[in-house]
């Protein structure tokens, strides 16, 4: 099984989530840390976690739209739907925030199993500050979500949602995945970055 090192740790136990809970930003409990140990060549990682969340885009980014199939080094993915709501699965957004729910389908194209994390995919917006952890999905709390960590088996297809709690005055977002490869350094060599422009429907 191909496994990579998560770039996240928890600084305190995560709270339990009950139906009707209001606006807890789980990512406030997380701390960004550097990867530990040498990564293998097939390691997946999120560049936004390594360099902090950023709304900036590079000239070399590959841009896509809702419904496009994106082919990475390890899997294909398609965003089939995106919506803005104040409540999803019993979770209610905080005042001044909205929930952006991204419905995602993944299909492995790699001959070995790959360990995935929900934070592989991050959501940014134009006015976002560098230290705004809302770019990461809220912690797993309902069956519809992709788990915090999961395995994508060879040729496996998997669907689920990622839920982001973001400012309610924003209407357009960039949904990003960044490839990383081992080059003998702690940070790794960045590969392609895939950016999908999304406008959630209310």
N, C-alpha and C. Protein backbone atom coordinates (compact mmCIF):
# COMPACT_ATOMS: atom_id res chain seq x y z
N UNK A 1 0.85 -1.20 0.00
CA UNK A 1 0.00 0.00 0.00
C UNK A 1 0.88 1.23 0.00
N UNK A 2 0.53 2.19 -0.80
CA UNK A 2 1.29 3.43 -0.86
C UNK A 2 0.74 4.41 0.17
N UNK A 3 1.61 4.90 1.00
CA UNK A 3 1.17 5.78 2.08
C UNK A 3 2.06 6.99 2.14
N UNK A 4 1.49 8.11 2.55
CA UNK A 4 2.24 9.33 2.67
C UNK A 4 2.04 9.89 4.05
N UNK A 5 2.84 10.86 4.41
CA UNK A 5 2.78 11.46 5.73
C UNK A 5 1.84 12.64 5.72
N UNK A 6 0.89 12.66 6.64
CA UNK A 6 0.00 13.81 6.74
C UNK A 6 0.77 15.00 7.25
N UNK A 7 0.39 16.19 6.80
CA UNK A 7 1.04 17.41 7.28
C UNK A 7 0.26 18.06 8.40
N UNK A 8 -0.71 17.34 8.97
CA UNK A 8 -1.52 17.91 10.02
C UNK A 8 -1.41 17.08 11.29
N UNK A 9 -1.44 17.76 12.44
CA UNK A 9 -1.60 17.08 13.70
C UNK A 9 -2.68 17.81 14.47
N UNK A 10 -3.19 17.19 15.52
CA UNK A 10 -4.17 17.87 16.36
C UNK A 10 -3.49 18.31 17.63
N UNK A 11 -3.76 19.54 18.05
CA UNK A 11 -3.16 20.07 19.27
C UNK A 11 -4.03 19.75 20.48
N UNK A 12 -5.28 19.39 20.29
CA UNK A 12 -6.17 18.98 21.37
C UNK A 12 -7.23 18.09 20.79
N UNK A 13 -7.91 17.30 21.63
CA UNK A 13 -8.92 16.39 21.09
C UNK A 13 -10.00 17.16 20.35
N UNK A 14 -10.46 16.62 19.23
CA UNK A 14 -11.52 17.27 18.48
C UNK A 14 -12.84 17.08 19.20
N UNK A 15 -13.72 18.08 19.18
CA UNK A 15 -14.98 17.98 19.88
C UNK A 15 -15.93 17.04 19.18
N UNK A 16 -16.87 16.49 19.94
CA UNK A 16 -17.93 15.70 19.34
C UNK A 16 -18.87 16.62 18.58
N UNK A 17 -19.48 16.11 17.53
CA UNK A 17 -20.39 16.90 16.72
C UNK A 17 -21.79 16.34 16.88
N UNK A 18 -22.72 17.16 17.26
CA UNK A 18 -24.10 16.73 17.43
C UNK A 18 -24.98 17.46 16.43
N UNK A 19 -26.10 16.84 16.01
CA UNK A 19 -27.01 17.52 15.09
C UNK A 19 -27.40 18.89 15.64
N UNK A 20 -27.35 19.89 14.77
CA UNK A 20 -27.73 21.24 15.17
C UNK A 20 -26.59 22.06 15.74
N UNK A 21 -25.38 21.49 15.80
CA UNK A 21 -24.26 22.28 16.31
C UNK A 21 -24.02 23.46 15.39
N UNK A 22 -23.55 24.55 15.95
CA UNK A 22 -23.47 25.79 15.20
C UNK A 22 -22.03 26.23 15.01
N UNK A 23 -21.61 26.30 13.75
CA UNK A 23 -20.46 27.06 13.32
C UNK A 23 -19.14 26.81 14.00
N UNK A 24 -18.82 25.61 14.38
CA UNK A 24 -17.50 25.37 14.94
C UNK A 24 -16.51 25.17 13.80
N UNK A 25 -15.45 25.96 13.79
CA UNK A 25 -14.43 25.82 12.74
C UNK A 25 -13.37 24.84 13.24
N UNK A 26 -13.53 23.55 12.87
CA UNK A 26 -12.65 22.51 13.37
C UNK A 26 -11.19 22.81 13.11
N UNK A 27 -10.87 23.50 12.01
CA UNK A 27 -9.48 23.69 11.64
C UNK A 27 -8.74 24.62 12.59
N UNK A 28 -9.47 25.35 13.43
CA UNK A 28 -8.81 26.17 14.44
C UNK A 28 -8.04 25.28 15.42
N UNK A 29 -8.46 23.99 15.53
CA UNK A 29 -7.80 23.08 16.45
C UNK A 29 -6.58 22.42 15.83
N UNK A 30 -6.32 22.67 14.55
CA UNK A 30 -5.22 22.01 13.87
C UNK A 30 -4.00 22.92 13.80
N UNK A 31 -2.86 22.29 13.73
CA UNK A 31 -1.61 23.04 13.57
C UNK A 31 -0.90 22.52 12.33
N UNK A 32 -0.43 23.43 11.49
CA UNK A 32 0.31 23.02 10.31
C UNK A 32 1.74 22.68 10.72
N UNK A 33 2.21 21.52 10.30
CA UNK A 33 3.57 21.11 10.61
C UNK A 33 4.25 20.62 9.35
N UNK A 34 5.56 20.62 9.37
CA UNK A 34 6.31 20.12 8.21
C UNK A 34 6.20 18.61 8.15
N UNK A 35 6.30 18.03 6.96
CA UNK A 35 6.27 16.58 6.83
C UNK A 35 7.43 15.95 7.59
N UNK A 36 7.21 14.75 8.12
CA UNK A 36 8.23 14.06 8.88
C UNK A 36 8.83 12.95 8.04
N UNK A 37 10.16 12.92 7.97
CA UNK A 37 10.82 11.84 7.27
C UNK A 37 10.85 12.04 5.77
N UNK A 38 11.50 11.11 5.09
CA UNK A 38 11.64 11.18 3.64
C UNK A 38 10.39 10.64 2.96
N UNK A 39 9.86 11.38 2.01
CA UNK A 39 8.70 10.92 1.27
C UNK A 39 9.11 10.03 0.12
N UNK A 40 8.23 9.13 -0.26
CA UNK A 40 8.46 8.29 -1.42
C UNK A 40 8.02 9.03 -2.67
N UNK A 41 8.45 8.52 -3.83
CA UNK A 41 8.20 9.24 -5.08
C UNK A 41 6.73 9.39 -5.39
N UNK A 42 5.90 8.48 -4.88
CA UNK A 42 4.48 8.55 -5.19
C UNK A 42 3.69 9.28 -4.12
N UNK A 43 4.40 9.92 -3.19
CA UNK A 43 3.71 10.60 -2.10
C UNK A 43 2.84 11.73 -2.63
N UNK A 44 1.61 11.80 -2.14
CA UNK A 44 0.74 12.93 -2.40
C UNK A 44 0.91 13.93 -1.27
N UNK A 45 0.79 15.22 -1.57
CA UNK A 45 0.83 16.23 -0.53
C UNK A 45 0.10 17.45 -1.01
N UNK A 46 -0.26 18.31 -0.07
CA UNK A 46 -0.96 19.53 -0.44
C UNK A 46 -0.03 20.71 -0.30
N UNK A 47 0.23 21.41 -1.38
CA UNK A 47 1.14 22.55 -1.34
C UNK A 47 0.58 23.67 -0.49
N UNK A 48 -0.73 23.80 -0.46
CA UNK A 48 -1.31 24.88 0.33
C UNK A 48 -1.08 24.67 1.81
N UNK A 49 -0.99 23.41 2.24
CA UNK A 49 -0.69 23.14 3.64
C UNK A 49 0.77 23.45 3.94
N UNK A 50 1.65 23.19 3.00
CA UNK A 50 3.07 23.38 3.23
C UNK A 50 3.45 24.85 3.22
N UNK A 51 2.75 25.65 2.46
CA UNK A 51 3.11 27.06 2.33
C UNK A 51 2.06 27.99 2.93
N UNK A 52 1.12 27.41 3.68
CA UNK A 52 -0.06 28.09 4.20
C UNK A 52 -1.05 28.32 3.07
N UNK A 53 -2.30 28.47 3.45
CA UNK A 53 -3.32 28.66 2.44
C UNK A 53 -3.08 29.97 1.71
N UNK A 54 -3.30 29.95 0.42
CA UNK A 54 -3.04 31.14 -0.38
C UNK A 54 -4.08 31.26 -1.47
N UNK A 55 -4.52 32.50 -1.72
CA UNK A 55 -5.46 32.73 -2.81
C UNK A 55 -4.75 33.07 -4.10
N UNK A 56 -3.41 33.15 -4.06
CA UNK A 56 -2.65 33.47 -5.27
C UNK A 56 -2.63 32.31 -6.24
N UNK A 57 -2.49 32.62 -7.56
CA UNK A 57 -2.44 31.60 -8.57
C UNK A 57 -1.20 31.81 -9.42
N UNK A 58 -0.68 30.70 -9.95
CA UNK A 58 0.52 30.75 -10.77
C UNK A 58 0.16 30.67 -12.24
N UNK A 59 1.06 31.19 -13.07
CA UNK A 59 0.82 31.15 -14.51
C UNK A 59 0.76 29.73 -15.04
N UNK A 60 1.41 28.79 -14.32
CA UNK A 60 1.46 27.41 -14.79
C UNK A 60 0.30 26.56 -14.27
N UNK A 61 -0.58 27.13 -13.48
CA UNK A 61 -1.74 26.39 -12.99
C UNK A 61 -2.59 25.89 -14.15
N UNK A 62 -3.12 24.69 -14.01
CA UNK A 62 -4.08 24.18 -14.97
C UNK A 62 -5.48 24.49 -14.45
N UNK A 63 -6.29 25.17 -15.26
CA UNK A 63 -7.60 25.62 -14.82
C UNK A 63 -8.71 24.77 -15.42
N UNK A 64 -9.72 24.51 -14.59
CA UNK A 64 -10.84 23.66 -14.99
C UNK A 64 -12.14 24.28 -14.49
N UNK A 65 -13.24 23.73 -14.99
CA UNK A 65 -14.57 24.20 -14.61
C UNK A 65 -15.39 23.05 -14.04
N UNK A 66 -16.49 23.38 -13.40
CA UNK A 66 -17.39 22.38 -12.85
C UNK A 66 -17.76 21.35 -13.91
N UNK A 67 -17.63 20.07 -13.57
CA UNK A 67 -17.97 19.00 -14.50
C UNK A 67 -16.80 18.47 -15.29
N UNK A 68 -15.68 19.21 -15.33
CA UNK A 68 -14.49 18.73 -16.02
C UNK A 68 -13.86 17.57 -15.24
N UNK A 69 -13.26 16.63 -15.96
CA UNK A 69 -12.48 15.57 -15.32
C UNK A 69 -11.01 15.97 -15.31
N UNK A 70 -10.43 15.98 -14.12
CA UNK A 70 -9.03 16.37 -13.93
C UNK A 70 -8.19 15.12 -13.73
N UNK A 71 -7.12 14.98 -14.48
CA UNK A 71 -6.24 13.81 -14.39
C UNK A 71 -4.94 14.19 -13.69
N UNK A 72 -4.71 13.64 -12.50
CA UNK A 72 -3.48 13.85 -11.76
C UNK A 72 -2.55 12.65 -11.97
N UNK A 73 -1.43 12.64 -11.29
CA UNK A 73 -0.47 11.54 -11.43
C UNK A 73 -1.00 10.24 -10.85
N UNK A 74 -2.01 10.32 -9.96
CA UNK A 74 -2.47 9.13 -9.25
C UNK A 74 -3.95 8.81 -9.45
N UNK A 75 -4.73 9.78 -9.81
CA UNK A 75 -6.18 9.56 -9.92
C UNK A 75 -6.80 10.65 -10.78
N UNK A 76 -8.01 10.37 -11.24
CA UNK A 76 -8.84 11.39 -11.89
C UNK A 76 -9.89 11.85 -10.88
N UNK A 77 -10.29 13.11 -10.98
CA UNK A 77 -11.40 13.56 -10.14
C UNK A 77 -12.29 14.52 -10.91
N UNK A 78 -13.55 14.53 -10.51
CA UNK A 78 -14.56 15.39 -11.13
C UNK A 78 -15.41 16.01 -10.04
N UNK A 79 -15.60 17.31 -10.08
CA UNK A 79 -16.56 17.97 -9.20
C UNK A 79 -17.90 17.97 -9.92
N UNK A 80 -18.86 17.26 -9.37
CA UNK A 80 -20.15 17.11 -10.03
C UNK A 80 -21.19 18.13 -9.59
N UNK A 81 -20.99 18.71 -8.41
CA UNK A 81 -21.95 19.70 -7.91
C UNK A 81 -21.30 20.52 -6.81
N UNK A 82 -21.69 21.78 -6.70
CA UNK A 82 -21.23 22.62 -5.60
C UNK A 82 -22.37 23.53 -5.19
N UNK A 83 -22.62 23.63 -3.90
CA UNK A 83 -23.72 24.45 -3.41
C UNK A 83 -23.31 25.24 -2.18
N UNK A 84 -24.01 26.35 -1.97
CA UNK A 84 -23.84 27.16 -0.78
C UNK A 84 -25.07 26.99 0.09
N UNK A 85 -24.86 26.77 1.39
CA UNK A 85 -25.97 26.54 2.29
C UNK A 85 -25.57 27.01 3.70
N UNK A 86 -26.53 27.16 4.56
CA UNK A 86 -26.26 27.50 5.95
C UNK A 86 -26.25 26.27 6.85
N UNK A 87 -26.73 25.13 6.32
CA UNK A 87 -26.78 23.90 7.12
C UNK A 87 -26.56 22.71 6.22
N UNK A 88 -25.77 21.75 6.71
CA UNK A 88 -25.57 20.51 5.96
C UNK A 88 -25.34 19.37 6.94
N UNK A 89 -26.18 18.36 6.85
CA UNK A 89 -26.03 17.18 7.69
C UNK A 89 -26.10 17.46 9.17
N UNK A 90 -26.86 18.49 9.57
CA UNK A 90 -26.98 18.85 10.98
C UNK A 90 -25.96 19.87 11.45
N UNK A 91 -25.04 20.23 10.60
CA UNK A 91 -24.02 21.23 10.95
C UNK A 91 -24.48 22.59 10.43
N UNK A 92 -24.50 23.60 11.30
CA UNK A 92 -24.97 24.94 10.96
C UNK A 92 -23.77 25.89 10.95
N UNK A 93 -23.67 26.68 9.90
CA UNK A 93 -22.53 27.60 9.79
C UNK A 93 -22.59 28.69 10.85
N UNK A 94 -21.43 29.21 11.20
CA UNK A 94 -21.34 30.31 12.14
C UNK A 94 -21.88 31.59 11.50
N UNK A 95 -22.26 32.55 12.35
CA UNK A 95 -22.72 33.83 11.84
C UNK A 95 -21.62 34.48 11.01
N UNK A 96 -21.98 34.95 9.82
CA UNK A 96 -21.01 35.56 8.94
C UNK A 96 -20.33 34.59 8.00
N UNK A 97 -20.63 33.30 8.16
CA UNK A 97 -20.05 32.27 7.31
C UNK A 97 -21.15 31.54 6.53
N UNK A 98 -20.73 30.80 5.54
CA UNK A 98 -21.59 29.90 4.78
C UNK A 98 -20.87 28.56 4.68
N UNK A 99 -21.63 27.53 4.35
CA UNK A 99 -21.04 26.23 4.05
C UNK A 99 -21.03 26.05 2.54
N UNK A 100 -19.87 25.76 1.99
CA UNK A 100 -19.76 25.40 0.58
C UNK A 100 -19.54 23.90 0.52
N UNK A 101 -20.48 23.20 -0.11
CA UNK A 101 -20.46 21.74 -0.17
C UNK A 101 -20.05 21.33 -1.59
N UNK A 102 -18.90 20.66 -1.69
CA UNK A 102 -18.36 20.24 -2.98
C UNK A 102 -18.56 18.73 -3.11
N UNK A 103 -19.31 18.32 -4.14
CA UNK A 103 -19.53 16.90 -4.41
C UNK A 103 -18.46 16.43 -5.39
N UNK A 104 -17.74 15.38 -5.00
CA UNK A 104 -16.52 14.99 -5.70
C UNK A 104 -16.53 13.50 -6.01
N UNK A 105 -16.11 13.14 -7.22
CA UNK A 105 -15.91 11.74 -7.60
C UNK A 105 -14.45 11.52 -7.95
N UNK A 106 -13.85 10.48 -7.35
CA UNK A 106 -12.45 10.14 -7.59
C UNK A 106 -12.37 8.76 -8.24
N UNK A 107 -11.42 8.58 -9.15
CA UNK A 107 -11.17 7.27 -9.75
C UNK A 107 -9.66 7.05 -9.82
N UNK A 108 -9.19 5.99 -9.16
CA UNK A 108 -7.76 5.70 -9.15
C UNK A 108 -7.27 5.31 -10.54
N UNK A 109 -6.11 5.83 -10.91
CA UNK A 109 -5.45 5.44 -12.16
C UNK A 109 -4.05 4.89 -11.87
N UNK A 110 -3.78 4.61 -10.58
CA UNK A 110 -2.45 4.17 -10.16
C UNK A 110 -2.50 2.69 -9.81
N UNK A 111 -1.45 1.90 -10.09
CA UNK A 111 -1.50 0.45 -9.88
C UNK A 111 -1.40 0.00 -8.43
N UNK A 112 -1.17 0.91 -7.51
CA UNK A 112 -1.11 0.56 -6.10
C UNK A 112 -2.06 1.47 -5.31
N UNK A 113 -2.42 1.00 -4.11
CA UNK A 113 -3.30 1.78 -3.26
C UNK A 113 -2.60 3.06 -2.79
N UNK A 114 -3.36 4.12 -2.68
CA UNK A 114 -2.83 5.41 -2.26
C UNK A 114 -3.66 5.92 -1.08
N UNK A 115 -2.99 6.37 -0.03
CA UNK A 115 -3.68 6.94 1.11
C UNK A 115 -4.00 8.41 0.84
N UNK A 116 -5.25 8.78 1.03
CA UNK A 116 -5.72 10.13 0.75
C UNK A 116 -6.13 10.83 2.05
N UNK A 117 -6.17 12.16 1.98
CA UNK A 117 -6.63 12.97 3.10
C UNK A 117 -7.64 14.00 2.59
N UNK A 118 -8.60 14.36 3.44
CA UNK A 118 -9.59 15.36 3.01
C UNK A 118 -8.93 16.69 2.66
N UNK A 119 -7.83 17.00 3.34
CA UNK A 119 -7.16 18.29 3.12
C UNK A 119 -6.32 18.32 1.85
N UNK A 120 -6.31 17.22 1.06
CA UNK A 120 -5.65 17.27 -0.25
C UNK A 120 -6.30 18.31 -1.15
N UNK A 121 -7.59 18.55 -0.93
CA UNK A 121 -8.34 19.51 -1.75
C UNK A 121 -8.69 20.71 -0.88
N UNK A 122 -8.33 21.91 -1.34
CA UNK A 122 -8.57 23.10 -0.55
C UNK A 122 -9.28 24.17 -1.36
N UNK A 123 -9.99 25.01 -0.63
CA UNK A 123 -10.84 26.03 -1.25
C UNK A 123 -10.30 27.40 -0.87
N UNK A 124 -10.08 28.26 -1.86
CA UNK A 124 -9.58 29.61 -1.59
C UNK A 124 -10.46 30.64 -2.27
N UNK A 125 -10.28 31.89 -1.87
CA UNK A 125 -11.03 33.00 -2.45
C UNK A 125 -10.11 34.21 -2.50
N UNK A 126 -10.47 35.20 -3.28
CA UNK A 126 -9.56 36.29 -3.62
C UNK A 126 -9.06 37.09 -2.42
N UNK A 127 -9.91 37.32 -1.42
CA UNK A 127 -9.52 38.17 -0.30
C UNK A 127 -9.01 37.37 0.90
N UNK A 128 -8.75 36.10 0.73
CA UNK A 128 -8.36 35.24 1.83
C UNK A 128 -6.97 35.58 2.35
N UNK A 129 -6.82 35.62 3.67
CA UNK A 129 -5.52 35.88 4.27
C UNK A 129 -4.70 34.59 4.32
N UNK A 130 -3.39 34.74 4.45
CA UNK A 130 -2.48 33.59 4.43
C UNK A 130 -2.74 32.61 5.57
N UNK A 131 -3.22 33.11 6.72
CA UNK A 131 -3.38 32.24 7.88
C UNK A 131 -4.83 31.81 8.10
N UNK A 132 -5.67 31.96 7.10
CA UNK A 132 -7.08 31.58 7.23
C UNK A 132 -7.22 30.08 6.99
N UNK A 133 -7.47 29.32 8.06
CA UNK A 133 -7.54 27.86 7.95
C UNK A 133 -8.86 27.36 7.39
N UNK A 134 -9.77 28.28 7.08
CA UNK A 134 -11.04 27.85 6.49
C UNK A 134 -10.87 27.33 5.07
N UNK A 135 -9.66 27.44 4.51
CA UNK A 135 -9.41 26.85 3.20
C UNK A 135 -9.48 25.33 3.24
N UNK A 136 -9.38 24.74 4.43
CA UNK A 136 -9.45 23.29 4.58
C UNK A 136 -10.87 22.87 4.94
N UNK A 137 -11.29 21.68 4.52
CA UNK A 137 -12.65 21.23 4.84
C UNK A 137 -12.82 21.03 6.34
N UNK A 138 -14.05 21.20 6.82
CA UNK A 138 -14.34 20.94 8.22
C UNK A 138 -14.15 19.45 8.49
N UNK A 139 -13.88 19.13 9.74
CA UNK A 139 -13.60 17.75 10.12
C UNK A 139 -14.81 16.85 9.82
N UNK A 140 -14.51 15.60 9.56
CA UNK A 140 -15.55 14.61 9.23
C UNK A 140 -16.61 14.55 10.33
N UNK A 141 -17.89 14.70 9.95
CA UNK A 141 -18.97 14.62 10.93
C UNK A 141 -20.21 13.92 10.40
N UNK A 142 -20.28 13.60 9.10
CA UNK A 142 -21.46 12.91 8.57
C UNK A 142 -21.04 11.94 7.47
N UNK A 143 -21.89 10.94 7.22
CA UNK A 143 -21.55 9.85 6.31
C UNK A 143 -21.34 10.31 4.88
N UNK A 144 -21.93 11.43 4.48
CA UNK A 144 -21.80 11.89 3.10
C UNK A 144 -20.40 12.41 2.79
N UNK A 145 -19.66 12.80 3.82
CA UNK A 145 -18.33 13.39 3.61
C UNK A 145 -17.29 12.33 3.27
N UNK A 146 -16.27 12.75 2.51
CA UNK A 146 -15.06 11.95 2.40
C UNK A 146 -14.36 11.96 3.76
N UNK A 147 -13.85 10.82 4.23
CA UNK A 147 -13.22 10.77 5.55
C UNK A 147 -11.98 11.65 5.63
N UNK A 148 -11.54 11.91 6.85
CA UNK A 148 -10.32 12.66 7.07
C UNK A 148 -9.13 11.96 6.42
N UNK A 149 -9.10 10.63 6.52
CA UNK A 149 -8.07 9.81 5.87
C UNK A 149 -8.74 8.56 5.31
N UNK A 150 -8.37 8.18 4.10
CA UNK A 150 -8.96 6.99 3.49
C UNK A 150 -8.02 6.45 2.43
N UNK A 151 -8.25 5.21 2.04
CA UNK A 151 -7.42 4.56 1.03
C UNK A 151 -8.17 4.47 -0.29
N UNK A 152 -7.49 4.86 -1.36
CA UNK A 152 -8.03 4.73 -2.71
C UNK A 152 -7.32 3.55 -3.36
N UNK A 153 -8.06 2.44 -3.53
CA UNK A 153 -7.47 1.21 -4.07
C UNK A 153 -7.28 1.33 -5.58
N UNK A 154 -6.44 0.49 -6.16
CA UNK A 154 -6.25 0.52 -7.61
C UNK A 154 -7.58 0.37 -8.35
N UNK A 155 -7.81 1.26 -9.30
CA UNK A 155 -9.01 1.26 -10.15
C UNK A 155 -10.30 1.54 -9.38
N UNK A 156 -10.19 1.87 -8.10
CA UNK A 156 -11.38 2.16 -7.31
C UNK A 156 -11.97 3.52 -7.67
N UNK A 157 -13.29 3.59 -7.69
CA UNK A 157 -14.01 4.86 -7.81
C UNK A 157 -14.67 5.16 -6.46
N UNK A 158 -14.65 6.42 -6.07
CA UNK A 158 -15.22 6.80 -4.78
C UNK A 158 -15.82 8.18 -4.90
N UNK A 159 -16.99 8.36 -4.29
CA UNK A 159 -17.67 9.66 -4.31
C UNK A 159 -17.97 10.11 -2.89
N UNK A 160 -18.02 11.41 -2.70
CA UNK A 160 -18.35 11.97 -1.40
C UNK A 160 -18.35 13.48 -1.50
N UNK A 161 -18.55 14.13 -0.37
CA UNK A 161 -18.55 15.59 -0.36
C UNK A 161 -17.46 16.10 0.57
N UNK A 162 -17.01 17.30 0.31
CA UNK A 162 -16.15 18.06 1.20
C UNK A 162 -16.91 19.32 1.59
N UNK A 163 -16.94 19.62 2.88
CA UNK A 163 -17.70 20.77 3.39
C UNK A 163 -16.72 21.81 3.90
N UNK A 164 -16.84 23.02 3.39
CA UNK A 164 -15.96 24.12 3.78
C UNK A 164 -16.80 25.21 4.44
N UNK A 165 -16.31 25.76 5.55
CA UNK A 165 -16.96 26.90 6.19
C UNK A 165 -16.17 28.15 5.83
N UNK A 166 -16.79 29.02 5.05
CA UNK A 166 -16.08 30.16 4.45
C UNK A 166 -16.92 31.42 4.61
N UNK A 167 -16.35 32.60 4.38
CA UNK A 167 -17.11 33.85 4.55
C UNK A 167 -18.33 33.89 3.64
N UNK A 168 -19.45 34.39 4.18
CA UNK A 168 -20.68 34.40 3.39
C UNK A 168 -20.76 35.56 2.41
N UNK A 169 -19.74 36.43 2.40
CA UNK A 169 -19.74 37.52 1.42
C UNK A 169 -18.95 37.15 0.16
N UNK A 170 -18.52 35.89 0.07
CA UNK A 170 -17.79 35.42 -1.10
C UNK A 170 -18.70 34.54 -1.96
N UNK A 171 -18.57 34.67 -3.28
CA UNK A 171 -19.44 33.89 -4.18
C UNK A 171 -18.66 33.08 -5.21
N UNK A 172 -17.37 33.34 -5.36
CA UNK A 172 -16.55 32.57 -6.29
C UNK A 172 -15.32 32.04 -5.56
N UNK A 173 -14.93 30.81 -5.90
CA UNK A 173 -13.86 30.13 -5.18
C UNK A 173 -12.96 29.38 -6.15
N UNK A 174 -11.76 29.04 -5.65
CA UNK A 174 -10.83 28.20 -6.39
C UNK A 174 -10.61 26.91 -5.59
N UNK A 175 -10.91 25.78 -6.23
CA UNK A 175 -10.79 24.46 -5.62
C UNK A 175 -9.50 23.84 -6.16
N UNK A 176 -8.53 23.58 -5.28
CA UNK A 176 -7.16 23.30 -5.72
C UNK A 176 -6.63 21.97 -5.21
N UNK A 177 -5.92 21.27 -6.09
CA UNK A 177 -5.11 20.10 -5.72
C UNK A 177 -3.70 20.30 -6.26
N UNK A 178 -2.69 20.03 -5.42
CA UNK A 178 -1.28 20.21 -5.80
C UNK A 178 -0.54 18.88 -5.70
N UNK A 179 0.16 18.50 -6.76
CA UNK A 179 1.01 17.32 -6.73
C UNK A 179 2.35 17.65 -6.08
N UNK A 180 2.94 16.65 -5.38
CA UNK A 180 4.29 16.75 -4.86
C UNK A 180 5.01 15.43 -5.07
N UNK A 181 6.29 15.50 -5.43
CA UNK A 181 7.11 14.32 -5.64
C UNK A 181 8.38 14.41 -4.80
N UNK A 182 8.91 13.26 -4.41
CA UNK A 182 10.14 13.23 -3.62
C UNK A 182 11.35 13.59 -4.47
N UNK A 183 12.13 14.57 -4.00
CA UNK A 183 13.38 14.90 -4.67
C UNK A 183 14.55 14.92 -3.69
N UNK A 184 14.35 14.27 -2.54
CA UNK A 184 15.40 14.21 -1.53
C UNK A 184 15.35 15.34 -0.53
N UNK A 185 14.45 16.30 -0.71
CA UNK A 185 14.31 17.40 0.23
C UNK A 185 13.08 17.18 1.09
N UNK A 186 13.00 17.93 2.19
CA UNK A 186 11.86 17.80 3.09
C UNK A 186 10.57 18.27 2.41
N UNK A 187 10.68 19.33 1.62
CA UNK A 187 9.49 19.90 1.01
C UNK A 187 9.00 19.09 -0.18
N UNK A 188 9.91 18.45 -0.90
CA UNK A 188 9.52 17.74 -2.11
C UNK A 188 9.47 18.66 -3.32
N UNK A 189 9.37 18.04 -4.47
CA UNK A 189 9.30 18.81 -5.72
C UNK A 189 7.85 18.97 -6.14
N UNK A 190 7.36 20.20 -6.29
CA UNK A 190 5.98 20.38 -6.71
C UNK A 190 5.78 19.95 -8.15
N UNK A 191 4.70 19.25 -8.39
CA UNK A 191 4.31 18.89 -9.74
C UNK A 191 3.26 19.85 -10.24
N UNK A 192 2.27 19.32 -10.91
CA UNK A 192 1.21 20.17 -11.44
C UNK A 192 0.26 20.61 -10.34
N UNK A 193 -0.29 21.79 -10.52
CA UNK A 193 -1.34 22.29 -9.63
C UNK A 193 -2.60 22.47 -10.46
N UNK A 194 -3.70 21.94 -9.93
CA UNK A 194 -4.97 21.93 -10.66
C UNK A 194 -5.95 22.84 -9.93
N UNK A 195 -6.46 23.84 -10.62
CA UNK A 195 -7.35 24.82 -10.03
C UNK A 195 -8.69 24.78 -10.75
N UNK A 196 -9.75 24.61 -9.99
CA UNK A 196 -11.09 24.61 -10.57
C UNK A 196 -11.85 25.82 -10.04
N UNK A 197 -12.34 26.65 -10.93
CA UNK A 197 -13.11 27.83 -10.54
C UNK A 197 -14.56 27.42 -10.28
N UNK A 198 -15.04 27.71 -9.08
CA UNK A 198 -16.38 27.27 -8.67
C UNK A 198 -17.22 28.45 -8.21
N UNK A 199 -18.47 28.45 -8.62
CA UNK A 199 -19.47 29.42 -8.15
C UNK A 199 -20.63 28.63 -7.57
N UNK A 200 -20.70 28.48 -6.25
CA UNK A 200 -21.74 27.65 -5.65
C UNK A 200 -23.14 28.20 -5.91
N UNK A 201 -24.08 27.28 -6.06
CA UNK A 201 -25.49 27.64 -6.20
C UNK A 201 -26.15 27.56 -4.83
N UNK A 202 -26.93 28.58 -4.51
CA UNK A 202 -27.62 28.60 -3.22
C UNK A 202 -28.82 27.66 -3.24
